Amino acid sequence: MTLKEPAPSTTAAGAAAPDEYLEKRQLKKGSAGWLLLAGLGVSYVVSGDYSGWNFGLAEGGFGGLLIASVLVASMYLALVLGMAELSSALPAAGGGYTFARRALGPWGGFATGTAILIEYAIAPAAIATFIGAYVESLGIFGITDGWWVYLAVYVLFIGVHLAGVGEALKVMFVITSVALLGLVVFAVAALADFDVSNLTDIAATDAAGSSEFLPFGYLGIWSALPFAIWFFLAIEGVPLAAEETADPEKNVPRGIIAAMGVLLVTCALSLVLATGAGGAEMISGSGNPLVEALSNDAAAKVVNYIGLAGLVASFFSIIYAYSRQLFALSRAGYLPTSLSVTNGRKAPTLALVVPGLIGFVLTFTGEGALLLNMAVFGAALSYVLIMVSHIVLRVRQPDMPRPYRTPGGVATTGFALVVAVLSVIATFIVDSTAALWCLAVFAAFMAYFGLYSRHHLVASSPDEEFAALAQAERDLE
């Protein structure tokens, strides 16, 4: 019997969705090598160097944000090394959801996928508000920040993605290269304005542990964590391209590790040079801190234009990330299966459009810092679950093939797990209302899964097949 829709199934190895179901849900294979993946990883994150991180200066001062950034950079390095191993063992479009599905079962997989969706649906909205600030500061043809700017970027870049992944990844790589060039221009120009005293020009408060270096005390370090995360947020999306990558077992680990190396350098340049050139107090609330930090008008104008490219790069690439995460969850039946149908160019149409509509609505808040904190909540929660997944698989399935193995093993990912937990808590310290809204959305998704979708999973989808094979192996043992 041939069905148009998948028969309800969970992890039963004998159940299978019909061929025509998966034929309508195919991504373009072999579209990327490790260099394009490294570019994708940097593209996800590079906007964080141009705007957003500086709000952490208002929470912890330079010292608090610096310490938070060191902690967060260490966490991300450990996270990336852990995900490199997981992606080499389980190369599928679900990324973190795929890893957690194998380690923690359907509930853990869906929880991880949901947290990532919250991150990726909200992050472009935050970036769109920063794009608006950069556009307004350029003053081209009298353009000012507004809803129509946000609408234009969503329509334009979702349209490019609908044209196909090969085209999208190449465009992302070019834009990212331009954005990195802009950071070099900024660094050279900022050296002329750099003054060590600017780093600590926020007056000390009466908070516990307050000093010139830590004006908001010890708690300021914790409060600055979500903004330090903005330097690296979304790099974990590289494994989402696994099904569209040539030789993913090798290229995904290479790509994500290379991207992390670049981002460690750009984080240090932006944090130290922008604060030292413009002053911590002055840029702490800026929508375009790298531009406002420069006194050289010509250099500032160049950085402004290129900074816009950096924001566009991340906006553009996170659209790719949310579409692939939603595609994977939908294809497996965790979310409505209509969301994973692909067009003639092998691009998931509704998976691109629906989160874009949600993000566009969120831009009407006009609060970049608020949206940033909400995105970080989803990201940090997903990191907790992904690192737990790495540890569980190392303990329970030590013989699972792993072409790449994480240096330090569970000690490395255990460290990332601890910092990720602290980061989740920090989002409540910064803005408890925003974090609670995200928690409510997360709970609603989990209720949907518990009441409906867990009874309608597609056994022949890649992620469910991974789980079914693992269960069969355990049964044999």
Protein backbone atom coordinates (compact mmCIF):
# COMPACT_ATOMS: atom_id res chain seq x y z
CA MET A 1 0.00 0.00 0.00
CA THR A 2 1.43 3.38 -1.03
CA LEU A 3 0.70 6.30 1.28
CA LYS A 4 1.02 10.00 0.60
CA GLU A 5 1.64 10.74 4.22
CA PRO A 6 3.78 8.74 6.65
CA ALA A 7 2.10 6.15 8.79
CA PRO A 8 2.28 6.87 12.53
CA SER A 9 5.40 5.32 13.99
CA THR A 10 7.96 5.83 16.72
CA THR A 11 11.20 3.87 16.74
CA ALA A 12 9.94 0.59 15.37
CA ALA A 13 12.61 -0.60 12.96
CA GLY A 14 10.08 -2.25 10.68
CA ALA A 15 7.96 0.84 10.13
CA ALA A 16 8.81 3.01 7.16
CA ALA A 17 7.50 6.13 5.53
CA PRO A 18 6.67 5.69 1.83
CA ASP A 19 9.35 6.50 -0.74
CA GLU A 20 7.36 9.35 -2.21
CA TYR A 21 7.25 11.01 1.21
CA LEU A 22 11.05 11.26 1.45
CA GLU A 23 11.40 12.08 -2.26
CA LYS A 24 9.53 15.33 -1.58
CA ARG A 25 11.94 16.08 1.25
CA GLN A 26 15.39 15.86 -0.30
CA LEU A 27 18.25 18.32 0.15
CA LYS A 28 20.95 18.89 -2.46
CA LYS A 29 23.84 16.51 -1.76
CA GLY A 30 27.54 17.34 -1.85
CA SER A 31 27.15 21.11 -2.15
CA ALA A 32 29.87 22.10 0.33
CA GLY A 33 33.42 21.23 1.35
CA TRP A 34 35.17 22.08 4.61
CA LEU A 35 36.17 25.59 3.48
CA LEU A 36 32.59 26.57 2.67
CA LEU A 37 31.53 25.09 6.01
CA ALA A 38 34.17 27.15 7.82
CA GLY A 39 32.83 30.21 6.01
CA LEU A 40 29.32 29.23 7.06
CA GLY A 41 30.43 28.94 10.69
CA VAL A 42 32.02 32.39 10.66
CA SER A 43 29.05 33.79 8.75
CA TYR A 44 26.65 32.63 11.46
CA VAL A 45 28.55 34.59 14.06
CA VAL A 46 30.38 37.54 12.50
CA SER A 47 27.55 40.01 13.15
CA GLY A 48 28.25 39.46 16.85
CA ASP A 49 31.55 41.28 16.40
CA TYR A 50 29.82 44.29 14.87
CA SER A 51 26.98 44.76 17.34
CA GLY A 52 25.23 43.25 20.35
CA TRP A 53 28.18 42.19 22.51
CA ASN A 54 28.69 45.78 23.68
CA PHE A 55 25.46 45.73 25.72
CA GLY A 56 27.41 43.49 28.10
CA LEU A 57 29.49 46.52 29.08
CA ALA A 58 26.38 47.98 30.69
CA GLU A 59 25.98 44.76 32.70
CA GLY A 60 29.54 44.03 33.81
CA GLY A 61 31.82 46.82 32.59
CA PHE A 62 34.92 45.94 30.60
CA GLY A 63 36.32 43.66 33.30
CA GLY A 64 33.07 41.76 33.74
CA LEU A 65 32.57 41.32 30.02
CA LEU A 66 36.22 40.35 29.52
CA ILE A 67 36.05 37.60 32.14
CA ALA A 68 32.68 36.46 30.81
CA SER A 69 34.12 36.37 27.28
CA VAL A 70 37.07 34.22 28.35
CA LEU A 71 34.69 31.78 30.05
CA VAL A 72 32.34 31.74 27.08
CA ALA A 73 35.15 31.37 24.53
CA SER A 74 36.46 28.38 26.50
CA MET A 75 32.95 26.91 26.63
CA TYR A 76 32.48 27.30 22.89
CA LEU A 77 35.84 25.75 22.12
CA ALA A 78 34.88 22.73 24.23
CA LEU A 79 31.40 22.70 22.67
CA VAL A 80 32.82 22.80 19.14
CA LEU A 81 35.24 19.95 19.86
CA GLY A 82 32.37 17.90 21.27
CA MET A 83 30.11 18.67 18.30
CA ALA A 84 32.91 17.81 15.88
CA GLU A 85 32.90 14.29 17.29
CA LEU A 86 29.12 14.00 17.25
CA SER A 87 28.83 15.30 13.70
CA SER A 88 31.44 12.83 12.45
CA ALA A 89 29.49 9.97 14.01
CA LEU A 90 25.97 11.17 13.11
CA PRO A 91 26.07 13.31 9.95
CA ALA A 92 22.45 14.42 9.38
CA ALA A 93 20.60 17.70 8.80
CA GLY A 94 19.25 17.73 12.36
CA GLY A 95 22.53 18.80 13.98
CA GLY A 96 22.08 19.06 17.74
CA TYR A 97 18.62 17.48 17.55
CA THR A 98 20.10 14.42 15.80
CA PHE A 99 22.76 14.01 18.49
CA ALA A 100 20.29 14.33 21.35
CA ARG A 101 17.79 12.02 19.63
CA ARG A 102 20.40 9.27 19.57
CA ALA A 103 21.54 9.86 23.15
CA LEU A 104 18.42 10.99 25.00
CA GLY A 105 15.54 9.53 23.01
CA PRO A 106 12.62 11.32 21.29
CA TRP A 107 11.90 13.65 24.21
CA GLY A 108 15.51 14.77 24.51
CA GLY A 109 15.84 15.12 20.74
CA PHE A 110 12.74 17.26 20.41
CA ALA A 111 13.68 19.38 23.44
CA THR A 112 17.08 20.11 21.87
CA GLY A 113 15.59 20.85 18.46
CA THR A 114 13.03 23.18 20.02
CA ALA A 115 15.68 25.11 21.96
CA ILE A 116 17.68 25.54 18.74
CA LEU A 117 14.58 26.72 16.87
CA ILE A 118 13.93 29.36 19.56
CA GLU A 119 17.50 30.57 19.14
CA TYR A 120 17.45 30.61 15.34
CA ALA A 121 13.99 32.13 14.95
CA ILE A 122 14.78 35.03 17.30
CA ALA A 123 18.44 35.73 16.44
CA PRO A 124 17.67 37.07 12.92
CA ALA A 125 15.10 39.43 14.43
CA ALA A 126 17.76 40.83 16.78
CA ILE A 127 20.22 41.14 13.89
CA ALA A 128 17.58 42.89 11.78
CA THR A 129 17.29 45.63 14.42
CA PHE A 130 21.07 46.07 14.31
CA ILE A 131 20.94 46.21 10.49
CA GLY A 132 18.38 49.00 10.87
CA ALA A 133 20.73 50.92 13.17
CA TYR A 134 23.62 50.63 10.70
CA VAL A 135 21.39 51.64 7.76
CA GLU A 136 20.13 54.67 9.64
CA SER A 137 23.65 55.77 10.56
CA LEU A 138 24.66 55.65 6.88
CA GLY A 139 21.89 58.10 5.95
CA ILE A 140 21.61 56.83 2.36
CA PHE A 141 18.77 58.64 0.55
CA GLY A 142 17.41 59.62 3.93
CA ILE A 143 16.75 55.97 4.89
CA THR A 144 15.81 55.56 8.54
CA ASP A 145 15.40 52.53 10.73
CA GLY A 146 11.90 51.05 10.38
CA TRP A 147 9.72 48.01 9.79
CA TRP A 148 10.09 48.19 6.04
CA VAL A 149 13.88 47.82 6.37
CA TYR A 150 13.33 44.61 8.32
CA LEU A 151 10.76 43.39 5.79
CA ALA A 152 13.13 44.09 2.90
CA VAL A 153 15.98 42.04 4.35
CA TYR A 154 13.73 39.11 5.21
CA VAL A 155 12.13 39.00 1.76
CA LEU A 156 15.43 39.43 -0.10
CA PHE A 157 17.45 36.83 1.73
CA ILE A 158 14.75 34.21 2.11
CA GLY A 159 14.33 34.59 -1.65
CA VAL A 160 18.02 33.83 -2.25
CA HIS A 161 17.77 30.72 -0.08
CA LEU A 162 14.77 29.50 -2.06
CA ALA A 163 17.04 29.54 -5.13
CA GLY A 164 19.11 26.67 -3.69
CA VAL A 165 21.80 25.83 -1.14
CA GLY A 166 24.79 25.94 -3.51
CA GLU A 167 24.01 29.51 -4.50
CA ALA A 168 23.27 30.50 -0.89
CA LEU A 169 26.50 29.09 0.54
CA LYS A 170 28.62 30.82 -2.11
CA VAL A 171 26.90 34.15 -1.49
CA MET A 172 27.44 33.68 2.26
CA PHE A 173 31.13 32.96 1.76
CA VAL A 174 31.67 36.16 -0.26
CA ILE A 175 29.75 38.35 2.20
CA THR A 176 31.63 36.82 5.14
CA SER A 177 34.99 37.50 3.49
CA VAL A 178 33.99 41.15 3.11
CA ALA A 179 32.89 41.28 6.76
CA LEU A 180 36.24 39.91 7.94
CA LEU A 181 38.02 42.51 5.81
CA GLY A 182 35.96 45.16 7.57
CA LEU A 183 37.20 43.95 10.95
CA VAL A 184 40.78 44.30 9.74
CA VAL A 185 40.05 47.88 8.60
CA PHE A 186 38.46 48.61 11.96
CA ALA A 187 41.39 47.15 13.91
CA VAL A 188 43.94 49.28 12.05
CA ALA A 189 41.87 52.46 12.48
CA ALA A 190 41.06 51.75 16.14
CA LEU A 191 44.73 51.53 17.12
CA ALA A 192 45.06 55.29 16.49
CA ASP A 193 42.25 56.01 18.99
CA PHE A 194 43.10 53.36 21.54
CA ASP A 195 43.53 54.52 25.14
CA VAL A 196 43.82 52.07 28.01
CA SER A 197 41.88 54.42 30.31
CA ASN A 198 38.84 54.10 28.02
CA LEU A 199 38.50 50.46 28.99
CA THR A 200 37.53 51.31 32.56
CA ASP A 201 35.69 54.63 32.25
CA ILE A 202 32.44 53.30 33.78
CA ALA A 203 32.20 54.47 37.37
CA ALA A 204 32.26 51.83 40.09
CA THR A 205 28.98 51.11 41.89
CA ASP A 206 28.38 49.86 45.42
CA ALA A 207 27.87 46.25 44.24
CA ALA A 208 29.78 43.47 45.98
CA GLY A 209 33.29 43.25 44.57
CA SER A 210 32.96 46.54 42.70
CA SER A 211 36.14 48.16 41.42
CA GLU A 212 37.40 50.19 38.49
CA PHE A 213 37.92 46.93 36.60
CA LEU A 214 34.59 45.44 37.76
CA PRO A 215 32.27 48.46 38.14
CA PHE A 216 29.22 46.23 38.69
CA GLY A 217 30.95 43.75 40.95
CA TYR A 218 31.08 39.99 40.74
CA LEU A 219 27.44 39.63 39.70
CA GLY A 220 28.25 41.77 36.66
CA ILE A 221 30.41 38.94 35.30
CA TRP A 222 27.42 36.60 35.40
CA SER A 223 25.11 39.19 33.88
CA ALA A 224 27.55 39.75 31.02
CA LEU A 225 27.57 36.07 29.99
CA PRO A 226 24.64 36.30 27.52
CA PHE A 227 26.33 39.18 25.70
CA ALA A 228 29.66 37.38 25.57
CA ILE A 229 27.80 34.48 23.96
CA TRP A 230 26.85 36.83 21.11
CA PHE A 231 30.51 36.65 19.98
CA PHE A 232 30.01 32.96 19.13
CA LEU A 233 26.27 32.30 19.05
CA ALA A 234 25.09 29.98 16.24
CA ILE A 235 28.45 28.39 15.32
CA GLU A 236 26.83 25.15 16.46
CA GLY A 237 24.75 25.37 13.28
CA VAL A 238 27.57 24.07 11.05
CA PRO A 239 26.51 20.39 11.44
CA LEU A 240 23.08 21.32 10.06
CA ALA A 241 24.74 21.30 6.62
CA ALA A 242 25.87 17.66 6.97
CA GLU A 243 23.46 16.21 4.40
CA GLU A 244 24.52 18.85 1.86
CA THR A 245 28.24 18.32 2.41
CA ALA A 246 30.71 16.13 0.54
CA ASP A 247 32.31 13.57 2.91
CA PRO A 248 30.58 15.04 6.00
CA GLU A 249 32.34 12.73 8.47
CA LYS A 250 35.58 14.61 7.73
CA ASN A 251 34.49 18.00 6.41
CA VAL A 252 32.01 18.99 9.14
CA PRO A 253 34.56 18.61 11.99
CA ARG A 254 37.21 20.43 9.93
CA GLY A 255 34.83 23.24 9.05
CA ILE A 256 33.50 23.92 12.55
CA ILE A 257 36.95 23.82 14.19
CA ALA A 258 38.43 26.16 11.58
CA ALA A 259 35.54 28.59 12.05
CA MET A 260 36.08 28.60 15.82
CA GLY A 261 39.74 29.50 15.36
CA VAL A 262 38.82 32.58 13.31
CA LEU A 263 36.12 33.67 15.76
CA LEU A 264 38.46 33.57 18.75
CA VAL A 265 40.62 36.16 17.01
CA THR A 266 37.73 38.41 15.94
CA CYS A 267 36.23 38.33 19.45
CA ALA A 268 39.46 39.59 21.01
CA LEU A 269 39.88 42.34 18.40
CA SER A 270 36.35 43.68 18.74
CA LEU A 271 36.14 43.60 22.53
CA VAL A 272 39.50 45.18 23.32
CA LEU A 273 39.92 47.63 20.43
CA ALA A 274 36.34 48.96 20.27
CA THR A 275 36.17 49.51 24.02
CA GLY A 276 39.64 51.02 24.16
CA ALA A 277 38.98 53.35 21.23
CA GLY A 278 35.45 54.51 22.01
CA GLY A 279 35.23 54.06 25.75
CA ALA A 280 33.17 51.47 27.64
CA GLU A 281 30.50 53.90 28.76
CA MET A 282 29.98 55.49 25.34
CA ILE A 283 29.58 52.30 23.31
CA SER A 284 27.71 50.27 25.96
CA GLY A 285 24.32 51.18 24.49
CA SER A 286 25.27 51.67 20.85
CA GLY A 287 23.59 49.90 17.94
CA ASN A 288 26.78 50.24 15.87
CA PRO A 289 29.66 50.29 18.39
CA LEU A 290 32.54 49.73 15.95
CA VAL A 291 31.51 52.78 13.93
CA GLU A 292 30.98 55.03 16.94
CA ALA A 293 34.31 53.96 18.44
CA LEU A 294 36.29 55.54 15.58
CA SER A 295 37.18 59.24 15.38
CA ASN A 296 38.40 58.97 11.77
CA ASP A 297 35.28 59.73 9.73
CA ALA A 298 36.56 58.08 6.56
CA ALA A 299 37.45 54.85 8.36
CA ALA A 300 34.18 54.94 10.27
CA LYS A 301 32.24 55.22 7.01
CA VAL A 302 34.09 52.23 5.53
CA VAL A 303 33.51 50.15 8.66
CA ASN A 304 29.86 51.21 8.65
CA TYR A 305 29.31 49.92 5.14
CA ILE A 306 31.27 46.73 5.72
CA GLY A 307 29.68 46.29 9.15
CA LEU A 308 26.35 46.20 7.40
CA ALA A 309 27.75 43.34 5.31
CA GLY A 310 28.74 41.52 8.51
CA LEU A 311 25.25 41.81 9.92
CA VAL A 312 23.79 40.67 6.62
CA ALA A 313 26.14 37.65 6.60
CA SER A 314 24.86 36.38 9.95
CA PHE A 315 21.26 37.23 9.16
CA PHE A 316 21.56 35.38 5.86
CA SER A 317 23.23 32.29 7.29
CA ILE A 318 20.98 31.89 10.34
CA ILE A 319 18.03 31.80 7.95
CA TYR A 320 19.76 28.77 6.45
CA ALA A 321 20.22 27.27 9.93
CA TYR A 322 16.64 27.64 11.12
CA SER A 323 15.31 26.20 7.86
CA ARG A 324 17.46 23.06 8.16
CA GLN A 325 16.60 22.53 11.82
CA LEU A 326 12.89 22.93 11.12
CA PHE A 327 13.23 20.72 8.02
CA ALA A 328 14.78 17.88 10.05
CA LEU A 329 12.18 18.04 12.84
CA SER A 330 9.34 18.17 10.33
CA ARG A 331 10.68 15.37 8.13
CA ALA A 332 10.82 13.09 11.18
CA GLY A 333 7.26 14.00 12.19
CA TYR A 334 8.06 16.00 15.33
CA LEU A 335 6.48 19.07 13.73
CA PRO A 336 3.86 19.24 10.91
CA THR A 337 5.28 17.34 7.95
CA SER A 338 4.24 20.00 5.42
CA LEU A 339 7.08 22.19 6.74
CA SER A 340 9.75 19.86 5.27
CA VAL A 341 8.57 19.70 1.65
CA THR A 342 11.33 20.97 -0.67
CA ASN A 343 10.98 22.87 -3.95
CA GLY A 344 12.51 22.08 -7.33
CA ARG A 345 15.84 23.57 -6.17
CA LYS A 346 15.87 21.25 -3.12
CA ALA A 347 15.19 24.11 -0.69
CA PRO A 348 12.58 23.64 2.10
CA THR A 349 10.07 26.36 1.23
CA LEU A 350 7.85 26.58 4.32
CA ALA A 351 10.79 25.89 6.64
CA LEU A 352 12.33 29.08 5.25
CA VAL A 353 9.19 31.22 5.21
CA VAL A 354 7.36 30.40 8.47
CA PRO A 355 10.18 31.24 10.95
CA GLY A 356 10.90 34.31 8.81
CA LEU A 357 7.37 35.56 9.39
CA ILE A 358 7.73 34.98 13.14
CA GLY A 359 11.06 36.79 13.20
CA PHE A 360 9.70 39.73 11.25
CA VAL A 361 6.87 40.15 13.76
CA LEU A 362 9.42 40.12 16.60
CA THR A 363 11.35 43.00 15.02
CA PHE A 364 8.44 45.29 15.94
CA THR A 365 9.70 45.19 19.53
CA GLY A 366 12.65 47.27 18.30
CA GLU A 367 14.64 45.93 21.25
CA GLY A 368 17.85 44.34 20.01
CA ALA A 369 19.19 43.64 23.51
CA LEU A 370 15.90 42.00 24.56
CA LEU A 371 15.81 39.77 21.48
CA LEU A 372 19.49 38.92 21.95
CA ASN A 373 18.81 37.67 25.49
CA MET A 374 15.89 35.55 24.26
CA ALA A 375 18.03 33.99 21.51
CA VAL A 376 20.77 33.25 24.03
CA PHE A 377 18.25 31.44 26.26
CA GLY A 378 17.46 29.00 23.46
CA ALA A 379 21.12 28.62 22.53
CA ALA A 380 22.38 27.98 26.07
CA LEU A 381 19.61 25.48 26.77
CA SER A 382 20.50 23.58 23.59
CA TYR A 383 24.19 23.55 24.61
CA VAL A 384 23.27 21.92 27.91
CA LEU A 385 21.39 19.15 26.12
CA ILE A 386 24.02 18.65 23.39
CA MET A 387 26.84 18.32 25.91
CA VAL A 388 24.79 15.89 27.98
CA SER A 389 24.29 13.93 24.75
CA HIS A 390 28.03 13.75 24.12
CA ILE A 391 28.68 12.49 27.63
CA VAL A 392 25.85 9.93 27.48
CA LEU A 393 27.03 8.53 24.14
CA ARG A 394 30.63 8.28 25.36
CA VAL A 395 29.45 6.32 28.42
CA ARG A 396 26.70 4.17 26.91
CA GLN A 397 28.03 3.64 23.39
CA PRO A 398 31.84 3.77 23.64
CA ASP A 399 32.23 1.62 20.51
CA MET A 400 30.10 3.80 18.25
CA PRO A 401 32.21 4.74 15.18
CA ARG A 402 33.70 8.19 15.68
CA PRO A 403 36.00 9.34 12.84
CA TYR A 404 36.90 12.32 15.04
CA ARG A 405 37.23 12.13 18.83
CA THR A 406 37.09 15.09 21.20
CA PRO A 407 40.41 15.82 22.94
CA GLY A 408 39.82 15.38 26.66
CA GLY A 409 36.61 13.43 26.11
CA VAL A 410 33.85 13.96 28.67
CA ALA A 411 36.03 16.30 30.75
CA THR A 412 36.02 18.77 27.85
CA THR A 413 32.27 18.62 27.25
CA GLY A 414 31.61 18.50 31.00
CA PHE A 415 33.26 21.92 31.33
CA ALA A 416 31.09 23.28 28.50
CA LEU A 417 28.04 21.83 30.24
CA VAL A 418 28.74 23.71 33.48
CA VAL A 419 29.23 27.08 31.74
CA ALA A 420 26.12 26.49 29.60
CA VAL A 421 24.01 25.93 32.73
CA LEU A 422 25.34 29.17 34.23
CA SER A 423 24.49 30.94 30.95
CA VAL A 424 20.87 29.74 31.03
CA ILE A 425 20.53 31.14 34.56
CA ALA A 426 22.19 34.39 33.45
CA THR A 427 19.42 35.08 30.92
CA PHE A 428 16.97 35.25 33.84
CA ILE A 429 19.28 37.66 35.69
CA VAL A 430 19.47 39.99 32.68
CA ASP A 431 15.76 39.96 31.79
CA SER A 432 13.56 37.48 33.66
CA THR A 433 10.42 38.41 31.70
CA ALA A 434 12.02 37.68 28.31
CA ALA A 435 13.51 34.42 29.57
CA LEU A 436 10.17 33.33 31.04
CA TRP A 437 8.43 34.00 27.72
CA CYS A 438 10.96 31.75 26.02
CA LEU A 439 10.44 29.11 28.69
CA ALA A 440 6.68 29.28 28.08
CA VAL A 441 7.16 28.81 24.34
CA PHE A 442 9.48 25.87 25.02
CA ALA A 443 6.86 24.30 27.33
CA ALA A 444 4.15 24.75 24.67
CA PHE A 445 6.27 22.90 22.09
CA MET A 446 6.92 20.08 24.54
CA ALA A 447 3.19 19.81 25.28
CA TYR A 448 2.51 19.50 21.54
CA PHE A 449 5.04 16.70 21.33
CA GLY A 450 3.67 14.88 24.36
CA LEU A 451 0.05 15.10 23.29
CA TYR A 452 0.38 14.59 19.54
CA SER A 453 3.56 14.37 17.51
CA ARG A 454 5.35 11.63 19.47
CA HIS A 455 2.64 9.30 18.21
CA HIS A 456 3.28 10.29 14.57
CA LEU A 457 7.03 10.01 14.07
CA VAL A 458 8.43 8.84 10.73
CA ALA A 459 10.53 5.74 11.28
CA SER A 460 12.39 5.94 7.95
CA SER A 461 13.64 9.51 8.42
CA PRO A 462 17.44 9.60 8.92
CA ASP A 463 17.33 10.53 12.60
CA GLU A 464 14.77 7.88 13.49
CA GLU A 465 16.75 5.31 11.50
CA PHE A 466 19.89 6.17 13.48
CA ALA A 467 17.93 5.55 16.68
CA ALA A 468 16.31 2.34 15.41
CA LEU A 469 19.67 0.89 14.38
CA ALA A 470 21.17 1.79 17.74
CA GLN A 471 18.26 0.12 19.55
CA ALA A 472 18.62 -2.99 17.40
CA GLU A 473 22.33 -3.16 18.24
CA ARG A 474 21.57 -2.84 21.95
CA ASP A 475 18.92 -5.60 21.67
CA LEU A 476 21.46 -7.92 20.02
CA GLU A 477 23.98 -7.24 22.77
